[in-house]
Structure formats: structure tokens, C-alpha cells
Amino acid sequence: MSEARRLENELWELPVGTVPGMRVPARVFADPELLAAIEQDRSLEQLANVATLPGIVDAALAMPDIHQGYGFPVGGVAATDAADGVISPGGVGYDINCGVRLLTLPIEFDELADRREALVHELSRRVPVGTGGKGAREGLRGAKLERVLSLGPRALLDDLGIGSAEELHFTESGGCLEGADPAAVSPRARERGAGQIGTLGSGNHFLELQRVSDVYDEEAANAFGLRRGQVTVLIHSGSRGLGHQVCTDFVKRMDARLGHYGFELPDRQLSCAPIDSPEGRDYLRAMAAAANFAWANRATLAHRVRESVGSVLGRDVADNTRQVYDVAHNVAKLEQHAGGTVCVHRKGATRAFPPGHPEIPPEYTQAGQPVFIPGSMGTASYVLAGRRGAMERSFGTTCHGAGRRMSRTAVRKAVDGGQLRRQLEADGIVVRALSARGLAEEAPEAYKDVDRVVEIVERAGLAARVVRLRPVGVVKG
């Protein structure tokens, strides 16, 4: 993709014509060094292919954490016209509503002291991990699963007392996408997900104990309830097997109908259907149900965090552990942008609405929407706040993490899991992982520099730094 031309300091463009059939340009937020890293895989080619989708608006966009994915690159953003555009499951991804939830504990890191290892151990004991992890007593089937698919974590609060009204308030979309229809979710998807509420999963999913190391915006940090030295917990998980199966089902269904709609795509992984078609409407209903399932999953994980905190640090600390926010980074939503309704696909990208936006909690209206950017277990994570530039330049979107720069296969060859564990622990990070192999796959070397990624989206006006979080303990599948 050597055709990329620089539009601004942090913005590059692949013009229409870079690949045949492009309807709009493809643009990526990056600096020269990151762009060179991005060009090492097929992600820019995938982004140019996204620009061929029927009804795409303005440009196909990518964040600085972009890397190769299925159909869409991870870190890709595309808005399609709601009236005559398409919906593409590859633009959401297999882990529908993979997202991040941040909790704050009412104690300082110094107060944690020698109880840190005990807390990480208790978290690993209570939180099921791995590909087929089961949710134990929170496993849901039948009517209860129907309610979760329809209502998200609200169903868990009403039926099981898990979570709180405050947590729903501090969750993107209140933890429930409108239009969710359990009937659109296949029996196979239900079966795969029924026992997985309250499970972390594997791969890059994690639960991380952290401390606030740096504060960049005191006013926004105060609004979010964050202060230097404070202990936090970051939860990263999604819709597990249920969401994966929803994507599988609809990629296959839409692929079979491409000829019917006259779509010719450069990559079958971009299989899509008109938004206002039987396939498009059914996918939006099933995707919303899977997103609700994911929010319920993270709500249950947060419940288990509080149980662990109570067991190790006492009930008072657990009762005063609060949720800052919960954001999705694999979802498609109908939103108002530039005076019209568009379907915004965010795949490995985070909503970043600015101060004053009506869809963020009133408590954050002056600061902007909280955005959480995980780095890697050996570096740092960030809390950002959405800025107006995101509405003007990226359909209210920013990055979602550091972004991979090495495949899992490549990093396994380069990193010894046991040695990595010893290095992390020598750096003061308590580690609990299901296997040395899985730990190696998520080594810090596998990811881009999160500091650089965050600096780029800040300079581009998409989001601004609020605080930096340093890991002190990690639980991985």
C-alpha cells in the first residue's frame, strides 16, 4: 500500500482507485513509524477493500492500532447510509461487544501492600478462564437466557441481584441495545453461550489489577472518580461462544445471498446485506442480543471481582468499589452523524463521544465519554475522554488498544512463556495464567507502543488523556 499519502501530521489516505471498486478513500490515523509497522501485514489492503462496500459514507477509517483481521482490519471504522447501505458482520467481528469495564477500589496502592498477591490469587480462583470456561451458578438457560439476550445486565440485576442501577447508568447504551431479538439467535449460538455468563475467555481477554500512575487532566479525573495512587481493576471480555456463533451464522447466510443483491466484493470475508433486508434486519437483532449478553458477562465478572475484594480486603472496600464506565469496541450502531442516520461499524474501535453529548452520563458531560485503552500486561493502559474531533473526523470513534504487531504464532516462537512470567513478576506484576503458551501469545513484544498510539489519537483530536494505569497483577485465560 505504498500509495498512502499524507494529508496531515497524523492522517494518511489511500485514494479511490487504490484497489478496484473503491467508492470512497481509505484513511488511517498514524505517524510515519506506526504506518511502517502497519504496512507489514494486509490491514491497509483490507481497509481499502472496506471502501468498496455499498453505501459507505465519507471514508473507510482506521485507528493507529490497526492490524489484520477477518474482512475488516481490527481498528477499522466504516459508516454506511442507513437507507441504502449495508451491514457487514466482518465489520463487527466474531467477538461481538468485546469491551472493557473499569472499576475503582477506595484504597491506595500502598494500602494494598502484601495483600496484592492474595487478591490476584482470589480473582483467579473466582473468575473462570479459558476457551470453554463455564460460569458455574451464573450459567443461564431457557427463559433466563432469553431475558439476558433481550435486556442485558438488567436481567441479572432483576433476577439474581447481580450488579446495580448505578452500574447500568455507567455503561454504554445502558447495557442494552435496542431491537435485540432472541429469536434471531440460533439454537447453536444459545447452546454455546448458555453456560458462559461470568467467564473471561482466552486470547487477549484479561482481568488486570492496576494503580493510577499519572494524571493528565485533574478535572476529568475527578469527574471519573480517579486519583493518583488509586487501585483499579480493568476487565476485558466479550460475548464468548454465543457472539462467535452469531457472526459465523450470518457470514454464511449473507455470503449465500451476495448474488441475489448483485454485490461483487474484493473479499468474501466482507459478506454483507442491505441494512433494510431480511438478512440485515435479522443480523442487527441477533448482534444486539449478543451485545447484551456481553454486557451481562462483564457485569457478572465485575460481581466476582467485588466478591474477591470482599474476601481479601473486607466488605467495606467491596461495597465502595465502583464502576467508572463500560465501553464496547466490537459493535455496529445506527447513529446520527453529519445530519443523517448511518450504521457505524466499529471493529476494534471505541466510541468516543465529546463533552455535552446526550448519550453519555450527565456526571461526565463536562469531561466527555470515558474511553479505556489497554496496552499490554507489562506496560500501561490509559483512560481517555472523547473529544469533538472524533465527531468531525471519525464518526465519534477512537482506538481500542495498542494493537498487535506480531501474530500469535510469531510471538510464540520468539517468547518463552515461563521466562516471561518470571520477568513480569520481577517487575512487580503478579501473574495468573492458564498456560505458559497462552501467556507468551500476549507478551508485551506482540503489541505496538500504547503510549505512541494514544499520543496520535490525542494529537488528531479524537480523545484526550486523563490518567495512565500501570499493571500490578494480571489474570489471563
Protein backbone atom coordinates (compact mmCIF):
# COMPACT_ATOMS: atom_id res chain seq x y z
CA MET A 1 0.00 0.00 0.00
CA SER A 2 2.80 2.40 -0.91
CA GLU A 3 0.15 4.72 -2.40
CA ALA A 4 -0.62 6.11 1.07
CA ARG A 5 -0.26 9.88 1.00
CA ARG A 6 -0.01 12.17 3.99
CA LEU A 7 -2.98 14.51 4.45
CA GLU A 8 -1.98 15.84 7.88
CA ASN A 9 0.61 15.04 10.54
CA GLU A 10 -1.46 12.13 11.91
CA LEU A 11 -3.65 11.26 8.89
CA TRP A 12 -2.83 9.27 5.73
CA GLU A 13 -5.03 8.41 2.76
CA LEU A 14 -5.31 5.66 0.19
CA PRO A 15 -7.17 7.38 -2.67
CA VAL A 16 -10.09 5.94 -4.62
CA GLY A 17 -8.61 3.57 -7.17
CA THR A 18 -6.00 2.05 -4.84
CA VAL A 19 -8.00 -1.15 -5.28
CA PRO A 20 -10.74 -1.58 -7.90
CA GLY A 21 -14.26 -0.67 -6.85
CA MET A 22 -13.46 1.80 -4.06
CA ARG A 23 -16.38 4.17 -3.52
CA VAL A 24 -14.59 6.41 -1.01
CA PRO A 25 -10.97 6.87 0.10
CA ALA A 26 -9.43 4.89 2.95
CA ARG A 27 -7.76 6.85 5.75
CA VAL A 28 -5.59 5.83 8.68
CA PHE A 29 -4.52 7.81 11.74
CA ALA A 30 -0.81 7.17 12.26
CA ASP A 31 2.67 8.68 12.28
CA PRO A 32 5.40 7.53 9.86
CA GLU A 33 6.84 4.98 12.27
CA LEU A 34 3.49 3.39 13.05
CA LEU A 35 2.48 3.46 9.38
CA ALA A 36 5.62 1.49 8.55
CA ALA A 37 4.64 -1.12 11.15
CA ILE A 38 1.06 -1.22 9.86
CA GLU A 39 2.30 -1.89 6.33
CA GLN A 40 3.85 -5.18 7.46
CA ASP A 41 0.52 -7.04 7.22
CA ARG A 42 -2.57 -6.83 4.95
CA SER A 43 -4.51 -4.41 7.11
CA LEU A 44 -4.29 -1.43 4.72
CA GLU A 45 -5.35 -3.62 1.82
CA GLN A 46 -8.30 -4.78 3.93
CA LEU A 47 -9.15 -1.15 4.71
CA ALA A 48 -9.15 -0.26 1.01
CA ASN A 49 -11.45 -3.24 0.40
CA VAL A 50 -13.84 -1.91 3.05
CA ALA A 51 -14.09 1.26 0.96
CA THR A 52 -15.86 -0.79 -1.74
CA LEU A 53 -18.90 -1.56 0.44
CA PRO A 54 -22.23 -0.35 -0.98
CA GLY A 55 -23.49 2.78 0.74
CA ILE A 56 -20.26 3.58 2.59
CA VAL A 57 -20.09 7.23 3.68
CA ASP A 58 -17.13 9.66 3.66
CA ALA A 59 -14.21 7.21 4.05
CA ALA A 60 -13.14 3.86 5.41
CA LEU A 61 -11.18 4.71 8.55
CA ALA A 62 -8.54 3.04 10.68
CA MET A 63 -7.10 3.85 14.07
CA PRO A 64 -3.35 3.67 14.84
CA ASP A 65 -3.81 0.25 16.49
CA ILE A 66 -4.98 -1.26 13.19
CA HIS A 67 -3.89 -4.80 12.32
CA GLN A 68 -5.08 -7.57 10.03
CA GLY A 69 -8.42 -9.15 10.87
CA TYR A 70 -11.31 -11.03 9.29
CA GLY A 71 -12.67 -8.94 6.40
CA PHE A 72 -12.32 -5.61 8.15
CA PRO A 73 -8.99 -4.86 9.80
CA VAL A 74 -9.07 -4.71 13.59
CA GLY A 75 -9.10 -0.99 14.33
CA GLY A 76 -11.39 -0.33 11.36
CA VAL A 77 -14.37 2.04 11.25
CA ALA A 78 -16.96 2.37 8.49
CA ALA A 79 -20.29 4.19 8.37
CA THR A 80 -22.88 3.12 5.81
CA ASP A 81 -26.02 5.01 4.89
CA ALA A 82 -28.99 3.65 6.85
CA ALA A 83 -31.31 3.97 3.84
CA ASP A 84 -29.28 2.31 1.10
CA GLY A 85 -26.14 0.96 2.74
CA VAL A 86 -25.14 -2.47 4.02
CA ILE A 87 -24.32 -4.17 7.28
CA SER A 88 -21.27 -6.48 7.34
CA PRO A 89 -20.67 -8.94 10.21
CA GLY A 90 -16.95 -8.73 9.45
CA GLY A 91 -17.17 -5.05 10.39
CA VAL A 92 -18.16 -6.02 13.93
CA GLY A 93 -16.13 -9.19 14.30
CA TYR A 94 -16.61 -12.59 15.85
CA ASP A 95 -16.43 -11.40 19.46
CA ILE A 96 -19.45 -9.13 19.37
CA ASN A 97 -19.20 -6.40 22.02
CA CYS A 98 -15.80 -7.39 23.18
CA GLY A 99 -15.26 -4.45 25.51
CA VAL A 100 -13.72 -3.06 28.65
CA ARG A 101 -15.08 -2.19 32.11
CA LEU A 102 -13.09 -0.20 34.68
CA LEU A 103 -13.66 -0.49 38.44
CA THR A 104 -12.06 1.65 41.13
CA LEU A 105 -11.28 0.49 44.65
CA PRO A 106 -11.45 3.00 47.54
CA ILE A 107 -7.85 2.33 48.55
CA GLU A 108 -4.36 3.40 47.54
CA PHE A 109 -1.77 1.01 46.14
CA ASP A 110 0.32 1.46 49.30
CA GLU A 111 -2.64 0.24 51.38
CA LEU A 112 -2.83 -2.94 49.29
CA ALA A 113 0.73 -3.82 50.34
CA ASP A 114 1.33 -7.53 50.92
CA ARG A 115 -2.33 -8.41 50.19
CA ARG A 116 -1.78 -7.87 46.46
CA GLU A 117 -0.77 -11.45 45.68
CA ALA A 118 -3.65 -12.80 47.74
CA LEU A 119 -6.10 -10.59 45.83
CA VAL A 120 -4.80 -11.67 42.41
CA HIS A 121 -4.97 -15.30 43.53
CA GLU A 122 -8.56 -14.87 44.73
CA LEU A 123 -9.53 -13.22 41.45
CA SER A 124 -8.03 -16.13 39.50
CA ARG A 125 -9.88 -18.60 41.74
CA ARG A 126 -13.28 -16.96 41.28
CA VAL A 127 -13.09 -15.98 37.61
CA PRO A 128 -13.32 -18.91 35.15
CA VAL A 129 -10.84 -18.58 32.27
CA GLY A 130 -10.05 -20.43 29.06
CA THR A 131 -11.81 -21.19 25.80
CA GLY A 132 -14.60 -23.30 27.29
CA GLY A 133 -14.86 -21.72 30.74
CA LYS A 134 -18.17 -22.26 32.49
CA GLY A 135 -19.99 -19.67 34.54
CA ALA A 136 -20.99 -22.02 37.37
CA ARG A 137 -24.05 -20.76 39.21
CA GLU A 138 -24.48 -17.82 36.85
CA GLY A 139 -24.88 -20.18 33.87
CA LEU A 140 -28.21 -19.35 32.28
CA ARG A 141 -30.52 -21.39 30.12
CA GLY A 142 -34.05 -21.20 28.84
CA ALA A 143 -36.16 -18.25 29.93
CA LYS A 144 -33.33 -16.59 31.87
CA LEU A 145 -31.06 -16.58 28.82
CA GLU A 146 -33.92 -15.07 26.80
CA ARG A 147 -34.10 -12.22 29.29
CA VAL A 148 -30.34 -11.62 29.15
CA LEU A 149 -30.43 -11.51 25.35
CA SER A 150 -33.32 -9.04 25.48
CA LEU A 151 -32.31 -6.88 28.44
CA GLY A 152 -28.60 -7.41 29.08
CA PRO A 153 -27.35 -6.96 32.68
CA ARG A 154 -30.72 -5.51 33.73
CA ALA A 155 -32.00 -9.12 33.67
CA LEU A 156 -29.22 -10.23 36.05
CA LEU A 157 -29.96 -7.36 38.41
CA ASP A 158 -33.68 -8.14 38.49
CA ASP A 159 -33.38 -11.94 38.60
CA LEU A 160 -30.18 -12.60 40.57
CA GLY A 161 -29.26 -9.34 42.28
CA ILE A 162 -26.03 -9.09 40.25
CA GLY A 163 -24.91 -5.53 39.59
CA SER A 164 -26.71 -2.30 40.40
CA ALA A 165 -28.70 0.50 38.83
CA GLU A 166 -25.58 2.68 39.12
CA GLU A 167 -23.58 0.23 37.03
CA LEU A 168 -26.25 0.24 34.31
CA HIS A 169 -26.13 4.03 34.35
CA PHE A 170 -22.37 3.97 33.80
CA THR A 171 -22.49 1.52 30.88
CA GLU A 172 -22.55 2.44 27.21
CA SER A 173 -26.17 2.37 25.97
CA GLY A 174 -27.25 1.44 29.49
CA GLY A 175 -26.00 -2.08 28.79
CA CYS A 176 -28.83 -2.79 26.34
CA LEU A 177 -29.03 -2.26 22.58
CA GLU A 178 -32.49 -1.56 21.26
CA GLY A 179 -34.01 -4.04 18.84
CA ALA A 180 -32.40 -7.14 20.35
CA ASP A 181 -34.43 -10.24 19.43
CA PRO A 182 -33.55 -13.60 20.99
CA ALA A 183 -35.45 -15.31 18.16
CA ALA A 184 -32.74 -14.15 15.74
CA VAL A 185 -30.07 -16.04 17.72
CA SER A 186 -29.62 -19.63 16.54
CA PRO A 187 -30.02 -22.64 18.84
CA ARG A 188 -26.33 -23.41 18.34
CA ALA A 189 -25.33 -19.90 19.47
CA ARG A 190 -27.56 -20.20 22.54
CA GLU A 191 -26.06 -23.56 23.40
CA ARG A 192 -22.50 -22.24 23.11
CA GLY A 193 -23.22 -19.24 25.30
CA ALA A 194 -25.65 -20.58 27.87
CA GLY A 195 -23.01 -21.64 30.40
CA GLN A 196 -20.54 -18.81 29.77
CA ILE A 197 -22.01 -15.83 31.61
CA GLY A 198 -19.31 -14.67 34.03
CA THR A 199 -16.34 -16.17 32.17
CA LEU A 200 -13.24 -14.34 30.97
CA GLY A 201 -12.32 -16.42 27.93
CA SER A 202 -8.88 -16.77 26.37
CA GLY A 203 -6.66 -14.97 23.87
CA ASN A 204 -6.28 -11.29 24.65
CA HIS A 205 -9.03 -11.28 27.29
CA PHE A 206 -7.80 -10.41 30.75
CA LEU A 207 -8.56 -9.07 34.19
CA GLU A 208 -5.89 -6.63 35.38
CA LEU A 209 -5.20 -5.15 38.81
CA GLN A 210 -3.67 -1.68 38.34
CA ARG A 211 -2.65 1.55 40.01
CA VAL A 212 -3.14 5.08 38.71
CA SER A 213 0.42 6.21 37.99
CA ASP A 214 -0.12 9.55 36.21
CA VAL A 215 -2.90 12.12 35.99
CA TYR A 216 -3.03 14.36 32.91
CA ASP A 217 -6.39 16.07 33.39
CA GLU A 218 -7.29 16.66 37.05
CA GLU A 219 -10.81 17.90 36.30
CA ALA A 220 -11.74 14.91 34.14
CA ALA A 221 -10.04 12.51 36.58
CA ASN A 222 -12.11 13.93 39.43
CA ALA A 223 -15.28 13.54 37.35
CA PHE A 224 -14.41 9.89 36.70
CA GLY A 225 -13.50 9.30 40.37
CA LEU A 226 -9.81 8.64 39.65
CA ARG A 227 -6.79 9.84 41.64
CA ARG A 228 -3.07 9.18 41.61
CA GLY A 229 -2.08 6.03 43.50
CA GLN A 230 -5.58 4.54 43.44
CA VAL A 231 -6.13 0.82 42.82
CA THR A 232 -8.27 -0.12 39.80
CA VAL A 233 -9.43 -3.29 38.03
CA LEU A 234 -9.80 -3.44 34.25
CA ILE A 235 -11.98 -6.22 32.78
CA HIS A 236 -11.65 -7.13 29.09
CA SER A 237 -14.04 -9.76 27.74
CA GLY A 238 -16.94 -10.17 25.33
CA SER A 239 -19.82 -12.35 24.16
CA ARG A 240 -17.84 -15.62 24.22
CA GLY A 241 -19.11 -18.54 22.12
CA LEU A 242 -22.55 -17.02 21.62
CA GLY A 243 -21.24 -13.95 19.78
CA HIS A 244 -18.80 -16.03 17.76
CA GLN A 245 -21.62 -18.25 16.55
CA VAL A 246 -23.85 -15.30 15.67
CA CYS A 247 -21.10 -13.96 13.42
CA THR A 248 -20.49 -17.41 11.90
CA ASP A 249 -24.19 -17.88 11.17
CA PHE A 250 -24.65 -14.54 9.43
CA VAL A 251 -21.40 -14.53 7.44
CA LYS A 252 -22.56 -17.82 5.92
CA ARG A 253 -26.12 -16.59 5.37
CA MET A 254 -25.08 -13.30 3.77
CA ASP A 255 -22.41 -14.94 1.63
CA ALA A 256 -25.08 -17.14 0.09
CA ARG A 257 -27.15 -14.06 -0.83
CA LEU A 258 -24.46 -11.83 -2.38
CA GLY A 259 -25.53 -12.75 -5.90
CA HIS A 260 -29.17 -12.02 -5.12
CA TYR A 261 -28.28 -8.42 -4.22
CA GLY A 262 -25.80 -8.06 -7.07
CA PHE A 263 -22.84 -7.43 -4.79
CA GLU A 264 -19.34 -8.07 -6.10
CA LEU A 265 -16.77 -7.82 -3.33
CA PRO A 266 -12.97 -7.99 -3.45
CA ASP A 267 -13.01 -10.25 -0.39
CA ARG A 268 -15.75 -12.72 0.54
CA GLN A 269 -14.94 -12.05 4.20
CA LEU A 270 -16.73 -8.71 3.68
CA SER A 271 -20.02 -10.54 3.07
CA CYS A 272 -22.87 -8.15 3.74
CA ALA A 273 -26.53 -7.44 3.13
CA PRO A 274 -28.62 -4.28 2.81
CA ILE A 275 -29.46 -2.92 6.25
CA ASP A 276 -33.13 -2.94 5.30
CA SER A 277 -33.23 -6.57 4.11
CA PRO A 278 -34.31 -9.76 5.89
CA GLU A 279 -30.68 -10.74 6.45
CA GLY A 280 -29.64 -7.24 7.52
CA ARG A 281 -32.52 -6.79 9.94
CA ASP A 282 -32.03 -10.25 11.44
CA TYR A 283 -28.30 -9.67 11.91
CA LEU A 284 -28.88 -6.36 13.71
CA ARG A 285 -31.36 -8.10 16.03
CA ALA A 286 -29.00 -11.01 16.74
CA MET A 287 -25.96 -8.74 17.11
CA ALA A 288 -27.82 -6.57 19.63
CA ALA A 289 -28.77 -9.69 21.61
CA ALA A 290 -25.12 -10.84 21.61
CA ALA A 291 -24.01 -7.36 22.70
CA ASN A 292 -26.48 -7.51 25.60
CA PHE A 293 -25.06 -10.92 26.51
CA ALA A 294 -21.54 -9.46 26.57
CA TRP A 295 -22.54 -6.62 28.88
CA ALA A 296 -24.17 -9.18 31.19
CA ASN A 297 -20.97 -11.21 31.08
CA ARG A 298 -18.85 -8.24 32.17
CA ALA A 299 -21.40 -7.35 34.84
CA THR A 300 -21.04 -10.84 36.29
CA LEU A 301 -17.26 -10.64 36.11
CA ALA A 302 -17.44 -7.34 38.00
CA HIS A 303 -19.64 -9.06 40.59
CA ARG A 304 -16.94 -11.69 41.03
CA VAL A 305 -14.30 -9.01 41.38
CA ARG A 306 -16.29 -7.48 44.24
CA GLU A 307 -16.64 -10.89 45.87
CA SER A 308 -12.86 -11.32 45.65
CA VAL A 309 -12.23 -7.84 47.03
CA GLY A 310 -14.59 -8.53 49.90
CA SER A 311 -12.89 -11.81 50.71
CA VAL A 312 -9.36 -10.34 50.79
CA LEU A 313 -9.81 -6.66 51.68
CA GLY A 314 -13.09 -6.61 53.54
CA ARG A 315 -16.74 -5.91 52.89
CA ASP A 316 -16.43 -2.15 53.22
CA VAL A 317 -13.84 -1.99 50.43
CA ALA A 318 -16.01 -4.20 48.22
CA ASP A 319 -19.13 -2.11 48.88
CA ASN A 320 -17.27 1.03 47.85
CA THR A 321 -15.76 -0.45 44.70
CA ARG A 322 -17.47 1.48 41.90
CA GLN A 323 -17.71 1.32 38.16
CA VAL A 324 -16.26 4.18 36.10
CA TYR A 325 -17.74 3.03 32.78
CA ASP A 326 -18.11 0.09 30.38
CA VAL A 327 -17.44 0.55 26.66
CA ALA A 328 -17.87 -1.73 23.65
CA HIS A 329 -15.31 -2.00 20.88
CA ASN A 330 -16.87 -4.56 18.51
CA VAL A 331 -20.33 -3.37 17.54
CA ALA A 332 -22.43 -1.66 14.86
CA LYS A 333 -24.91 1.08 15.75
CA LEU A 334 -27.37 3.33 13.98
CA GLU A 335 -26.30 6.88 14.88
CA GLN A 336 -26.78 10.45 13.76
CA HIS A 337 -23.73 11.95 12.06
CA ALA A 338 -23.46 14.91 9.66
CA GLY A 339 -27.21 15.36 9.63
CA GLY A 340 -28.11 11.80 8.65
CA THR A 341 -28.57 8.31 10.04
CA VAL A 342 -25.68 5.94 9.41
CA CYS A 343 -24.72 2.48 10.60
CA VAL A 344 -21.32 2.87 12.27
CA HIS A 345 -19.26 -0.34 12.24
CA ARG A 346 -16.62 -0.25 14.97
CA LYS A 347 -14.31 -3.26 14.90
CA GLY A 348 -11.58 -2.96 17.47
CA ALA A 349 -12.52 0.68 17.88
CA THR A 350 -14.17 2.56 20.74
CA ARG A 351 -16.98 5.07 20.82
CA ALA A 352 -15.57 8.43 22.00
CA PHE A 353 -18.38 10.96 22.29
CA PRO A 354 -17.37 14.50 23.33
CA PRO A 355 -18.39 16.70 26.28
CA GLY A 356 -22.06 17.58 26.22
CA HIS A 357 -23.17 14.63 24.10
CA PRO A 358 -26.63 13.45 25.23
CA GLU A 359 -25.68 9.74 25.22
CA ILE A 360 -23.06 9.97 27.95
CA PRO A 361 -23.91 10.12 31.68
CA PRO A 362 -24.66 13.64 33.00
CA GLU A 363 -21.89 13.22 35.58
CA TYR A 364 -19.39 13.12 32.69
CA THR A 365 -20.94 15.79 30.49
CA GLN A 366 -18.13 18.29 31.14
CA ALA A 367 -15.34 15.75 30.77
CA GLY A 368 -16.53 13.69 27.79
CA GLN A 369 -17.16 9.97 27.49
CA PRO A 370 -14.62 7.75 29.27
CA VAL A 371 -12.55 5.60 26.90
CA PHE A 372 -10.31 2.75 28.09
CA ILE A 373 -7.20 1.82 26.09
CA PRO A 374 -5.49 -1.36 27.32
CA GLY A 375 -1.83 -1.70 26.47
CA SER A 376 -0.18 -4.97 27.40
CA MET A 377 0.25 -6.69 30.73
CA GLY A 378 3.81 -5.42 31.02
CA THR A 379 3.34 -1.79 30.02
CA ALA A 380 0.40 0.53 30.74
CA SER A 381 -3.23 1.29 29.96
CA TYR A 382 -4.96 4.66 29.59
CA VAL A 383 -8.21 6.33 30.44
CA LEU A 384 -9.09 8.90 27.77
CA ALA A 385 -12.05 11.23 27.28
CA GLY A 386 -13.82 11.69 23.95
CA ARG A 387 -13.31 14.95 22.06
CA ARG A 388 -15.24 16.86 19.40
CA GLY A 389 -12.67 15.96 16.77
CA ALA A 390 -13.96 12.41 16.89
CA MET A 391 -17.43 13.54 15.80
CA GLU A 392 -15.94 15.58 12.98
CA ARG A 393 -13.36 13.08 11.76
CA SER A 394 -14.19 9.51 12.80
CA PHE A 395 -17.91 9.17 13.48
CA GLY A 396 -17.32 9.60 17.22
CA THR A 397 -14.64 6.92 17.43
CA THR A 398 -11.08 6.39 18.69
CA CYS A 399 -8.68 3.46 19.12
CA HIS A 400 -9.26 0.47 21.42
CA GLY A 401 -5.79 -0.68 22.46
CA ALA A 402 -2.15 -0.89 21.47
CA GLY A 403 -2.83 -3.19 18.52
CA ARG A 404 -0.91 -6.34 17.64
CA ARG A 405 2.33 -6.09 15.69
CA MET A 406 3.20 -9.82 15.86
CA SER A 407 0.94 -12.79 15.18
CA ARG A 408 0.37 -15.30 17.95
CA THR A 409 2.39 -17.87 16.02
CA ALA A 410 5.32 -15.49 15.60
CA VAL A 411 5.39 -14.37 19.22
CA ARG A 412 5.26 -17.99 20.49
CA LYS A 413 8.45 -18.62 18.53
CA ALA A 414 10.13 -15.53 19.97
CA VAL A 415 8.99 -15.63 23.62
CA ASP A 416 9.23 -18.32 26.28
CA GLY A 417 6.13 -18.19 28.48
CA GLY A 418 7.89 -19.29 31.65
CA GLN A 419 10.63 -16.74 31.22
CA LEU A 420 8.04 -14.04 30.51
CA ARG A 421 6.22 -14.88 33.74
CA ARG A 422 9.45 -14.56 35.71
CA GLN A 423 10.24 -11.24 34.07
CA LEU A 424 6.77 -9.81 34.79
CA GLU A 425 6.96 -10.92 38.42
CA ALA A 426 10.44 -9.40 38.70
CA ASP A 427 8.85 -6.16 37.52
CA GLY A 428 6.30 -6.34 40.35
CA ILE A 429 3.37 -7.81 38.35
CA VAL A 430 1.66 -10.83 39.91
CA VAL A 431 0.64 -13.24 37.12
CA ARG A 432 -2.02 -15.94 36.99
CA ALA A 433 -2.42 -17.60 33.58
CA LEU A 434 -3.93 -20.84 32.36
CA SER A 435 -0.80 -21.79 30.41
CA ALA A 436 2.70 -20.55 29.58
CA ARG A 437 1.79 -20.78 25.89
CA GLY A 438 -1.23 -18.50 26.29
CA LEU A 439 0.84 -16.07 28.31
CA ALA A 440 3.52 -15.94 25.60
CA GLU A 441 0.93 -15.14 22.92
CA GLU A 442 0.07 -11.93 24.77
CA ALA A 443 3.63 -10.84 25.55
CA PRO A 444 4.30 -7.09 25.52
CA GLU A 445 6.54 -7.59 22.46
CA ALA A 446 3.48 -8.68 20.46
CA TYR A 447 1.91 -5.21 20.70
CA LYS A 448 2.59 -1.74 19.38
CA ASP A 449 3.68 1.03 21.74
CA VAL A 450 0.47 2.07 23.52
CA ASP A 451 1.99 5.42 24.51
CA ARG A 452 2.55 6.28 20.84
CA VAL A 453 -0.92 5.09 19.81
CA VAL A 454 -2.56 7.27 22.46
CA GLU A 455 -0.42 10.28 21.55
CA ILE A 456 -1.61 10.02 17.94
CA VAL A 457 -5.32 9.96 18.71
CA GLU A 458 -4.79 12.85 21.12
CA ARG A 459 -2.95 14.94 18.53
CA ALA A 460 -5.64 14.07 15.99
CA GLY A 461 -8.29 15.48 18.35
CA LEU A 462 -10.20 12.21 18.77
CA ALA A 463 -9.66 11.77 22.53
CA ALA A 464 -7.54 13.22 25.32
CA ARG A 465 -5.50 11.54 28.06
CA VAL A 466 -6.98 11.59 31.55
CA VAL A 467 -4.89 9.06 33.53
CA ARG A 468 -2.31 6.35 32.98
CA LEU A 469 -2.68 2.95 34.66
CA ARG A 470 0.20 0.61 35.49
CA PRO A 471 -0.36 -3.15 35.93
CA VAL A 472 0.39 -4.75 39.30
CA GLY A 473 -1.44 -8.05 38.75
CA VAL A 474 -2.98 -9.89 35.81
CA VAL A 475 -5.32 -12.86 35.30
CA LYS A 476 -5.34 -14.33 31.77
CA GLY A 477 -7.01 -17.25 30.04
